[in-house]
Amino acid sequence: MLLLRKIDCYGQLLLASCMVLSCFVFLSGGIFLVGLFFLGSWQVLSAILNTYSFAQYGFTRRIFRYWTYCLADLALFFFSSWLTSTVTHLFAEMIFVTSLIGALGVAGYYWWIYYKLIGFVFLRNELDGLTKSKH
């Protein structure tokens, strides 16, 4: 299971790196936005599948914070979409850009806590192996 988590974690990092590099190479924000959509979807699916593990290993506050940030950012995104039809486009674009910056922050935060979880599980498995081998 730890190997799958490492593949998941480093796959997310690889996608984020490609996303940032494509922004500089192609000088276009479109590919960046598509990459951010795929990265966000991947991370939400990963968080859904790993929430129990986060709670089991004592990362409950961190994963709860992630879900709070994720829902707040999603609400901000939909609020900017709703504002487009009611208010000036400039204000709606400012809210939209704020939600994109928030999405980058949420993605970075999830990757950081996921990396910490993997390190913790690896260390715990190593320590369990050491204590079992002495008996």
C-alpha atoms as a PDB file:
ATOM      1  CA  MET A   1       0.000   0.000   0.000  1.00  0.00           C
ATOM      2  CA  LEU A   2       2.904   2.322   0.744  1.00  0.00           C
ATOM      3  CA  LEU A   3       4.225   1.849  -2.788  1.00  0.00           C
ATOM      4  CA  LEU A   4       0.860   2.905  -4.248  1.00  0.00           C
ATOM      5  CA  ARG A   5       0.850   5.987  -2.030  1.00  0.00           C
ATOM      6  CA  LYS A   6       4.355   6.904  -3.171  1.00  0.00           C
ATOM      7  CA  ILE A   7       3.349   6.487  -6.828  1.00  0.00           C
ATOM      8  CA  ASP A   8       0.272   8.631  -6.186  1.00  0.00           C
ATOM      9  CA  CYS A   9       2.249  11.334  -4.365  1.00  0.00           C
ATOM     10  CA  TYR A  10       5.076  11.563  -6.876  1.00  0.00           C
ATOM     11  CA  GLY A  11       2.631  11.340  -9.785  1.00  0.00           C
ATOM     12  CA  GLN A  12       0.923  14.433  -8.415  1.00  0.00           C
ATOM     13  CA  LEU A  13       4.286  16.160  -8.108  1.00  0.00           C
ATOM     14  CA  LEU A  14       5.174  15.207 -11.683  1.00  0.00           C
ATOM     15  CA  LEU A  15       1.854  16.556 -12.983  1.00  0.00           C
ATOM     16  CA  ALA A  16       2.342  19.810 -11.068  1.00  0.00           C
ATOM     17  CA  SER A  17       5.887  20.152 -12.432  1.00  0.00           C
ATOM     18  CA  CYS A  18       4.707  19.559 -16.007  1.00  0.00           C
ATOM     19  CA  MET A  19       1.931  22.055 -15.444  1.00  0.00           C
ATOM     20  CA  VAL A  20       4.336  24.777 -14.322  1.00  0.00           C
ATOM     21  CA  LEU A  21       6.873  23.978 -17.050  1.00  0.00           C
ATOM     22  CA  SER A  22       4.207  24.093 -19.753  1.00  0.00           C
ATOM     23  CA  CYS A  23       3.229  27.555 -18.579  1.00  0.00           C
ATOM     24  CA  PHE A  24       6.778  28.794 -19.200  1.00  0.00           C
ATOM     25  CA  VAL A  25       7.358  26.854 -22.425  1.00  0.00           C
ATOM     26  CA  PHE A  26       4.082  27.594 -24.188  1.00  0.00           C
ATOM     27  CA  LEU A  27       3.500  30.975 -22.513  1.00  0.00           C
ATOM     28  CA  SER A  28      -0.160  30.123 -22.282  1.00  0.00           C
ATOM     29  CA  GLY A  29      -2.398  29.835 -19.274  1.00  0.00           C
ATOM     30  CA  GLY A  30      -4.792  27.399 -20.935  1.00  0.00           C
ATOM     31  CA  ILE A  31      -2.614  24.331 -20.446  1.00  0.00           C
ATOM     32  CA  PHE A  32      -1.915  25.459 -16.894  1.00  0.00           C
ATOM     33  CA  LEU A  33      -5.647  25.638 -16.142  1.00  0.00           C
ATOM     34  CA  VAL A  34      -6.292  22.206 -17.667  1.00  0.00           C
ATOM     35  CA  GLY A  35      -3.408  20.792 -15.601  1.00  0.00           C
ATOM     36  CA  LEU A  36      -4.775  22.458 -12.477  1.00  0.00           C
ATOM     37  CA  PHE A  37      -8.181  20.899 -13.135  1.00  0.00           C
ATOM     38  CA  PHE A  38      -6.658  17.417 -13.514  1.00  0.00           C
ATOM     39  CA  LEU A  39      -4.406  17.879 -10.492  1.00  0.00           C
ATOM     40  CA  GLY A  40      -7.314  19.092  -8.358  1.00  0.00           C
ATOM     41  CA  SER A  41      -9.510  16.209  -9.450  1.00  0.00           C
ATOM     42  CA  TRP A  42      -6.716  13.717  -8.808  1.00  0.00           C
ATOM     43  CA  GLN A  43      -6.059  15.160  -5.357  1.00  0.00           C
ATOM     44  CA  VAL A  44      -9.718  15.165  -4.345  1.00  0.00           C
ATOM     45  CA  LEU A  45     -10.010  11.511  -5.363  1.00  0.00           C
ATOM     46  CA  SER A  46      -6.780  10.730  -3.505  1.00  0.00           C
ATOM     47  CA  ALA A  47      -8.019  12.588  -0.423  1.00  0.00           C
ATOM     48  CA  ILE A  48     -11.331  10.719  -0.501  1.00  0.00           C
ATOM     49  CA  LEU A  49      -9.497   7.392  -0.615  1.00  0.00           C
ATOM     50  CA  ASN A  50      -6.930   8.379   2.033  1.00  0.00           C
ATOM     51  CA  THR A  51      -9.016  10.346   4.555  1.00  0.00           C
ATOM     52  CA  TYR A  52      -9.413   7.289   6.759  1.00  0.00           C
ATOM     53  CA  SER A  53      -5.649   6.702   6.725  1.00  0.00           C
ATOM     54  CA  PHE A  54      -4.992  10.332   7.621  1.00  0.00           C
ATOM     55  CA  ALA A  55      -7.354  10.012  10.580  1.00  0.00           C
ATOM     56  CA  GLN A  56      -5.959   6.610  11.573  1.00  0.00           C
ATOM     57  CA  TYR A  57      -2.381   7.887  11.777  1.00  0.00           C
ATOM     58  CA  GLY A  58      -3.158  11.068  13.711  1.00  0.00           C
ATOM     59  CA  PHE A  59      -3.404  13.561  10.841  1.00  0.00           C
ATOM     60  CA  THR A  60      -7.075  14.305  11.521  1.00  0.00           C
ATOM     61  CA  ARG A  61      -6.649  18.044  12.000  1.00  0.00           C
ATOM     62  CA  ARG A  62      -4.583  18.376   8.835  1.00  0.00           C
ATOM     63  CA  ILE A  63      -7.002  16.476   6.598  1.00  0.00           C
ATOM     64  CA  PHE A  64      -9.943  18.363   8.107  1.00  0.00           C
ATOM     65  CA  ARG A  65      -8.118  21.597   7.290  1.00  0.00           C
ATOM     66  CA  TYR A  66      -7.577  20.367   3.729  1.00  0.00           C
ATOM     67  CA  TRP A  67     -11.286  19.623   3.271  1.00  0.00           C
ATOM     68  CA  THR A  68     -12.191  23.030   4.730  1.00  0.00           C
ATOM     69  CA  TYR A  69      -9.791  24.830   2.373  1.00  0.00           C
ATOM     70  CA  CYS A  70     -10.976  22.744  -0.572  1.00  0.00           C
ATOM     71  CA  LEU A  71     -14.664  23.471   0.035  1.00  0.00           C
ATOM     72  CA  ALA A  72     -14.013  27.163   0.671  1.00  0.00           C
ATOM     73  CA  ASP A  73     -12.039  27.460  -2.552  1.00  0.00           C
ATOM     74  CA  LEU A  74     -14.705  25.599  -4.506  1.00  0.00           C
ATOM     75  CA  ALA A  75     -17.381  27.905  -3.056  1.00  0.00           C
ATOM     76  CA  LEU A  76     -15.281  30.917  -4.058  1.00  0.00           C
ATOM     77  CA  PHE A  77     -14.948  29.515  -7.588  1.00  0.00           C
ATOM     78  CA  PHE A  78     -18.715  29.032  -7.969  1.00  0.00           C
ATOM     79  CA  PHE A  79     -19.331  32.436  -6.418  1.00  0.00           C
ATOM     80  CA  SER A  80     -17.130  34.019  -9.095  1.00  0.00           C
ATOM     81  CA  SER A  81     -19.111  32.179 -11.755  1.00  0.00           C
ATOM     82  CA  TRP A  82     -22.363  33.498 -10.306  1.00  0.00           C
ATOM     83  CA  LEU A  83     -20.928  37.022 -10.093  1.00  0.00           C
ATOM     84  CA  THR A  84     -20.201  37.038 -13.823  1.00  0.00           C
ATOM     85  CA  SER A  85     -23.898  37.314 -14.594  1.00  0.00           C
ATOM     86  CA  THR A  86     -24.758  39.822 -11.857  1.00  0.00           C
ATOM     87  CA  VAL A  87     -21.853  42.227 -11.349  1.00  0.00           C
ATOM     88  CA  THR A  88     -19.053  43.702 -13.401  1.00  0.00           C
ATOM     89  CA  HIS A  89     -16.680  41.263 -15.004  1.00  0.00           C
ATOM     90  CA  LEU A  90     -13.621  42.843 -13.413  1.00  0.00           C
ATOM     91  CA  PHE A  91     -14.789  42.002  -9.896  1.00  0.00           C
ATOM     92  CA  ALA A  92     -15.752  38.474 -10.967  1.00  0.00           C
ATOM     93  CA  GLU A  93     -12.321  37.995 -12.573  1.00  0.00           C
ATOM     94  CA  MET A  94     -10.596  39.133  -9.382  1.00  0.00           C
ATOM     95  CA  ILE A  95     -12.574  36.559  -7.397  1.00  0.00           C
ATOM     96  CA  PHE A  96     -11.804  33.912 -10.046  1.00  0.00           C
ATOM     97  CA  VAL A  97      -8.046  34.625  -9.929  1.00  0.00           C
ATOM     98  CA  THR A  98      -8.190  34.535  -6.136  1.00  0.00           C
ATOM     99  CA  SER A  99      -9.827  31.108  -6.315  1.00  0.00           C
ATOM    100  CA  LEU A 100      -7.099  29.908  -8.728  1.00  0.00           C
ATOM    101  CA  ILE A 101      -4.363  31.075  -6.372  1.00  0.00           C
ATOM    102  CA  GLY A 102      -6.256  29.378  -3.549  1.00  0.00           C
ATOM    103  CA  ALA A 103      -6.443  26.179  -5.608  1.00  0.00           C
ATOM    104  CA  LEU A 104      -2.662  26.238  -5.995  1.00  0.00           C
ATOM    105  CA  GLY A 105      -2.315  26.700  -2.244  1.00  0.00           C
ATOM    106  CA  VAL A 106      -4.734  23.863  -1.507  1.00  0.00           C
ATOM    107  CA  ALA A 107      -2.880  21.579  -3.953  1.00  0.00           C
ATOM    108  CA  GLY A 108       0.446  22.411  -2.325  1.00  0.00           C
ATOM    109  CA  TYR A 109      -0.976  21.888   1.138  1.00  0.00           C
ATOM    110  CA  TYR A 110      -2.407  18.472   0.240  1.00  0.00           C
ATOM    111  CA  TRP A 111       0.842  17.363  -1.338  1.00  0.00           C
ATOM    112  CA  TRP A 112       2.738  18.453   1.781  1.00  0.00           C
ATOM    113  CA  ILE A 113       0.467  16.596   4.243  1.00  0.00           C
ATOM    114  CA  TYR A 114       0.379  13.548   1.966  1.00  0.00           C
ATOM    115  CA  TYR A 115       4.188  13.509   1.830  1.00  0.00           C
ATOM    116  CA  LYS A 116       4.270  13.772   5.644  1.00  0.00           C
ATOM    117  CA  LEU A 117       1.795  10.865   5.927  1.00  0.00           C
ATOM    118  CA  ILE A 118       3.910   8.679   3.653  1.00  0.00           C
ATOM    119  CA  GLY A 119       7.023   9.447   5.692  1.00  0.00           C
ATOM    120  CA  PHE A 120       5.189   8.690   8.919  1.00  0.00           C
ATOM    121  CA  VAL A 121       3.802   5.381   7.643  1.00  0.00           C
ATOM    122  CA  PHE A 122       7.231   4.381   6.323  1.00  0.00           C
ATOM    123  CA  LEU A 123       8.890   5.184   9.665  1.00  0.00           C
ATOM    124  CA  ARG A 124       6.164   3.373  11.587  1.00  0.00           C
ATOM    125  CA  ASN A 125       6.541   0.277   9.394  1.00  0.00           C
ATOM    126  CA  GLU A 126      10.298   0.331   9.935  1.00  0.00           C
ATOM    127  CA  LEU A 127       9.903   0.640  13.691  1.00  0.00           C
ATOM    128  CA  ASP A 128       7.286  -2.117  13.771  1.00  0.00           C
ATOM    129  CA  GLY A 129       9.687  -4.355  11.849  1.00  0.00           C
ATOM    130  CA  LEU A 130      12.475  -3.631  14.335  1.00  0.00           C
ATOM    131  CA  THR A 131      10.372  -4.349  17.412  1.00  0.00           C
ATOM    132  CA  LYS A 132       8.953  -7.559  15.929  1.00  0.00           C
ATOM    133  CA  SER A 133      12.366  -8.900  14.995  1.00  0.00           C
ATOM    134  CA  LYS A 134      13.662  -8.621  18.592  1.00  0.00           C
ATOM    135  CA  HIS A 135      11.071 -10.996  20.025  1.00  0.00           C
END
